[in-house]
C-alpha atoms as a PDB file:
ATOM      1  CA  UNK A   1     -27.295   2.503 -31.145  1.00  0.00           C
ATOM      2  CA  UNK A   2     -27.378   5.406 -28.806  1.00  0.00           C
ATOM      3  CA  UNK A   3     -28.609   3.208 -25.929  1.00  0.00           C
ATOM      4  CA  UNK A   4     -25.771   0.744 -26.466  1.00  0.00           C
ATOM      5  CA  UNK A   5     -23.188   3.528 -26.151  1.00  0.00           C
ATOM      6  CA  UNK A   6     -24.803   4.653 -22.915  1.00  0.00           C
ATOM      7  CA  UNK A   7     -24.654   1.083 -21.513  1.00  0.00           C
ATOM      8  CA  UNK A   8     -21.028   0.658 -22.560  1.00  0.00           C
ATOM      9  CA  UNK A   9     -20.189   3.964 -20.891  1.00  0.00           C
ATOM     10  CA  UNK A  10     -21.806   2.851 -17.609  1.00  0.00           C
ATOM     11  CA  UNK A  11     -20.039  -0.509 -17.683  1.00  0.00           C
ATOM     12  CA  UNK A  12     -16.718   1.278 -18.266  1.00  0.00           C
ATOM     13  CA  UNK A  13     -17.415   3.758 -15.475  1.00  0.00           C
ATOM     14  CA  UNK A  14     -18.342   0.938 -13.066  1.00  0.00           C
ATOM     15  CA  UNK A  15     -15.205  -1.001 -13.993  1.00  0.00           C
ATOM     16  CA  UNK A  16     -13.031   2.105 -13.443  1.00  0.00           C
ATOM     17  CA  UNK A  17     -14.641   2.616 -10.020  1.00  0.00           C
ATOM     18  CA  UNK A  18     -13.847  -0.979  -9.011  1.00  0.00           C
ATOM     19  CA  UNK A  19     -10.221  -0.610 -10.132  1.00  0.00           C
ATOM     20  CA  UNK A  20      -9.717   2.719  -8.357  1.00  0.00           C
ATOM     21  CA  UNK A  21     -11.523   1.627  -5.193  1.00  0.00           C
ATOM     22  CA  UNK A  22      -9.386  -1.512  -5.022  1.00  0.00           C
ATOM     23  CA  UNK A  23      -6.230   0.590  -5.173  1.00  0.00           C
ATOM     24  CA  UNK A  24      -7.156   2.705  -2.171  1.00  0.00           C
ATOM     25  CA  UNK A  25      -5.842   1.067   1.004  1.00  0.00           C
ATOM     26  CA  UNK A  26      -8.492   0.550   3.636  1.00  0.00           C
ATOM     27  CA  UNK A  27      -7.494   1.516   7.135  1.00  0.00           C
ATOM     28  CA  UNK A  28      -8.976   2.507  10.434  1.00  0.00           C
ATOM     29  CA  UNK A  29      -8.651   5.772  12.263  1.00  0.00           C
ATOM     30  CA  UNK A  30      -5.890   6.388  14.804  1.00  0.00           C
ATOM     31  CA  UNK A  31      -8.248   8.516  16.927  1.00  0.00           C
ATOM     32  CA  UNK A  32      -8.337   5.747  19.547  1.00  0.00           C
ATOM     33  CA  UNK A  33      -4.718   6.570  20.462  1.00  0.00           C
ATOM     34  CA  UNK A  34      -3.539   9.536  22.527  1.00  0.00           C
ATOM     35  CA  UNK A  35      -0.929  10.837  20.095  1.00  0.00           C
ATOM     36  CA  UNK A  36      -0.433  14.022  22.106  1.00  0.00           C
ATOM     37  CA  UNK A  37       0.833  12.163  25.190  1.00  0.00           C
ATOM     38  CA  UNK A  38       3.112   9.272  24.195  1.00  0.00           C
ATOM     39  CA  UNK A  39       4.667   7.223  26.982  1.00  0.00           C
ATOM     40  CA  UNK A  40       7.749   5.044  27.319  1.00  0.00           C
ATOM     41  CA  UNK A  41       7.067   1.462  28.357  1.00  0.00           C
ATOM     42  CA  UNK A  42       9.749  -0.914  29.553  1.00  0.00           C
ATOM     43  CA  UNK A  43       8.861  -4.538  30.000  1.00  0.00           C
ATOM     44  CA  UNK A  44       9.177  -8.188  29.135  1.00  0.00           C
ATOM     45  CA  UNK A  45       7.845  -9.580  25.878  1.00  0.00           C
ATOM     46  CA  UNK A  46       5.142 -12.147  26.578  1.00  0.00           C
ATOM     47  CA  UNK A  47       4.308 -12.715  22.920  1.00  0.00           C
ATOM     48  CA  UNK A  48       5.321 -11.349  19.509  1.00  0.00           C
ATOM     49  CA  UNK A  49       2.616 -11.753  16.864  1.00  0.00           C
ATOM     50  CA  UNK A  50       4.030 -11.177  13.379  1.00  0.00           C
ATOM     51  CA  UNK A  51       0.606 -11.033  11.733  1.00  0.00           C
ATOM     52  CA  UNK A  52      -1.486  -8.825   9.471  1.00  0.00           C
ATOM     53  CA  UNK A  53      -3.050  -6.380   9.531  1.00  0.00           C
ATOM     54  CA  UNK A  54      -0.782  -5.299  12.411  1.00  0.00           C
ATOM     55  CA  UNK A  55       2.085  -6.891  14.299  1.00  0.00           C
ATOM     56  CA  UNK A  56       1.377  -7.121  18.016  1.00  0.00           C
ATOM     57  CA  UNK A  57       3.694  -7.076  21.013  1.00  0.00           C
ATOM     58  CA  UNK A  58       2.162  -8.391  24.229  1.00  0.00           C
ATOM     59  CA  UNK A  59       4.277  -6.759  26.917  1.00  0.00           C
ATOM     60  CA  UNK A  60       4.326  -7.310  30.669  1.00  0.00           C
ATOM     61  CA  UNK A  61       5.079  -4.012  32.384  1.00  0.00           C
ATOM     62  CA  UNK A  62       5.888  -3.562  36.065  1.00  0.00           C
ATOM     63  CA  UNK A  63       4.664  -0.235  37.431  1.00  0.00           C
ATOM     64  CA  UNK A  64       6.284   1.950  40.069  1.00  0.00           C
ATOM     65  CA  UNK A  65       4.009   0.302  42.639  1.00  0.00           C
ATOM     66  CA  UNK A  66       5.388  -3.157  41.774  1.00  0.00           C
ATOM     67  CA  UNK A  67       2.132  -4.273  40.138  1.00  0.00           C
ATOM     68  CA  UNK A  68       2.395  -5.929  36.727  1.00  0.00           C
ATOM     69  CA  UNK A  69       0.117  -5.138  33.841  1.00  0.00           C
ATOM     70  CA  UNK A  70      -0.061  -6.774  30.420  1.00  0.00           C
ATOM     71  CA  UNK A  71      -0.200  -4.360  27.503  1.00  0.00           C
ATOM     72  CA  UNK A  72      -1.282  -5.230  23.966  1.00  0.00           C
ATOM     73  CA  UNK A  73       0.654  -3.017  21.568  1.00  0.00           C
ATOM     74  CA  UNK A  74      -0.205  -2.671  17.892  1.00  0.00           C
ATOM     75  CA  UNK A  75       2.405  -1.764  15.298  1.00  0.00           C
ATOM     76  CA  UNK A  76       2.900  -1.755  11.554  1.00  0.00           C
ATOM     77  CA  UNK A  77       1.982  -4.527   9.156  1.00  0.00           C
ATOM     78  CA  UNK A  78       4.237  -7.463   8.332  1.00  0.00           C
ATOM     79  CA  UNK A  79       5.129  -6.099   4.897  1.00  0.00           C
ATOM     80  CA  UNK A  80       6.549  -2.843   6.243  1.00  0.00           C
ATOM     81  CA  UNK A  81       8.359  -4.487   9.164  1.00  0.00           C
ATOM     82  CA  UNK A  82       9.727  -7.238   6.919  1.00  0.00           C
ATOM     83  CA  UNK A  83      11.251  -4.583   4.642  1.00  0.00           C
ATOM     84  CA  UNK A  84      12.951  -3.186   7.758  1.00  0.00           C
ATOM     85  CA  UNK A  85      14.392  -6.612   8.568  1.00  0.00           C
ATOM     86  CA  UNK A  86      11.856  -7.778  11.167  1.00  0.00           C
ATOM     87  CA  UNK A  87      10.712 -11.408  11.117  1.00  0.00           C
ATOM     88  CA  UNK A  88       8.612 -13.709  13.294  1.00  0.00           C
ATOM     89  CA  UNK A  89      11.857 -14.433  15.180  1.00  0.00           C
ATOM     90  CA  UNK A  90      12.887 -10.814  15.903  1.00  0.00           C
ATOM     91  CA  UNK A  91      11.366 -10.822  19.375  1.00  0.00           C
ATOM     92  CA  UNK A  92      11.115 -13.769  21.737  1.00  0.00           C
ATOM     93  CA  UNK A  93       9.145 -14.286  24.936  1.00  0.00           C
ATOM     94  CA  UNK A  94      11.364 -13.071  27.758  1.00  0.00           C
ATOM     95  CA  UNK A  95      13.105 -10.321  25.774  1.00  0.00           C
ATOM     96  CA  UNK A  96      13.354  -7.055  27.705  1.00  0.00           C
ATOM     97  CA  UNK A  97      12.467  -4.067  25.538  1.00  0.00           C
ATOM     98  CA  UNK A  98      11.511  -0.397  25.678  1.00  0.00           C
ATOM     99  CA  UNK A  99       8.981   1.161  23.298  1.00  0.00           C
ATOM    100  CA  UNK A 100       7.425   4.530  22.706  1.00  0.00           C
ATOM    101  CA  UNK A 101       3.665   4.024  22.920  1.00  0.00           C
ATOM    102  CA  UNK A 102       0.659   6.105  21.981  1.00  0.00           C
ATOM    103  CA  UNK A 103      -1.695   4.754  24.658  1.00  0.00           C
ATOM    104  CA  UNK A 104      -5.358   3.955  24.131  1.00  0.00           C
ATOM    105  CA  UNK A 105      -7.594   6.866  25.091  1.00  0.00           C
ATOM    106  CA  UNK A 106      -9.906   4.432  26.892  1.00  0.00           C
ATOM    107  CA  UNK A 107      -7.304   3.756  29.575  1.00  0.00           C
ATOM    108  CA  UNK A 108      -7.128   0.050  28.737  1.00  0.00           C
ATOM    109  CA  UNK A 109      -3.477  -1.099  28.803  1.00  0.00           C
ATOM    110  CA  UNK A 110      -2.756  -1.002  25.096  1.00  0.00           C
ATOM    111  CA  UNK A 111      -1.683   1.278  22.323  1.00  0.00           C
ATOM    112  CA  UNK A 112       0.356   1.791  19.197  1.00  0.00           C
ATOM    113  CA  UNK A 113       4.104   1.183  19.452  1.00  0.00           C
ATOM    114  CA  UNK A 114       7.110   2.707  17.756  1.00  0.00           C
ATOM    115  CA  UNK A 115      10.820   3.177  18.394  1.00  0.00           C
ATOM    116  CA  UNK A 116      11.258  -0.292  19.871  1.00  0.00           C
ATOM    117  CA  UNK A 117      14.669  -0.893  21.383  1.00  0.00           C
ATOM    118  CA  UNK A 118      16.460  -3.274  23.699  1.00  0.00           C
ATOM    119  CA  UNK A 119      16.378  -2.606  27.440  1.00  0.00           C
ATOM    120  CA  UNK A 120      19.796  -0.890  27.298  1.00  0.00           C
ATOM    121  CA  UNK A 121      18.448   1.576  24.710  1.00  0.00           C
ATOM    122  CA  UNK A 122      20.128  -0.015  21.687  1.00  0.00           C
ATOM    123  CA  UNK A 123      17.788   0.140  18.682  1.00  0.00           C
ATOM    124  CA  UNK A 124      16.514  -3.238  17.624  1.00  0.00           C
ATOM    125  CA  UNK A 125      18.231  -4.021  14.350  1.00  0.00           C
ATOM    126  CA  UNK A 126      16.945  -7.424  13.282  1.00  0.00           C
ATOM    127  CA  UNK A 127      19.809  -7.753  10.778  1.00  0.00           C
ATOM    128  CA  UNK A 128      22.451  -7.635  13.518  1.00  0.00           C
ATOM    129  CA  UNK A 129      23.390 -10.767  15.445  1.00  0.00           C
ATOM    130  CA  UNK A 130      22.011 -11.056  18.944  1.00  0.00           C
END
């Protein structure tokens, strides 16, 4: 009888571990971004990917030298953005926007975006008519 109690305890402990581990959200580190030196990017939306695990803005940016560069910018997940009113139709190719970006430390044109607004500085409010 004692052995059965031990086995039941282990099964219960294993089940509790599975339940708790499933509740912890998995995520990657943000160490790849330079959070200490955010930049402002102004450009033209090439593509808006309303996908999980992160929504992506592909942005064409023209530098001071006149050269264009395409940036891949990662943001929040669809669930969070949807609660804020964002949808797959919020941004369209050709939209001119400005975003605060934590650039990739590697120097590759990409990063993590926030504070996205229209070119004139007006915050993007997906619930307002365009």
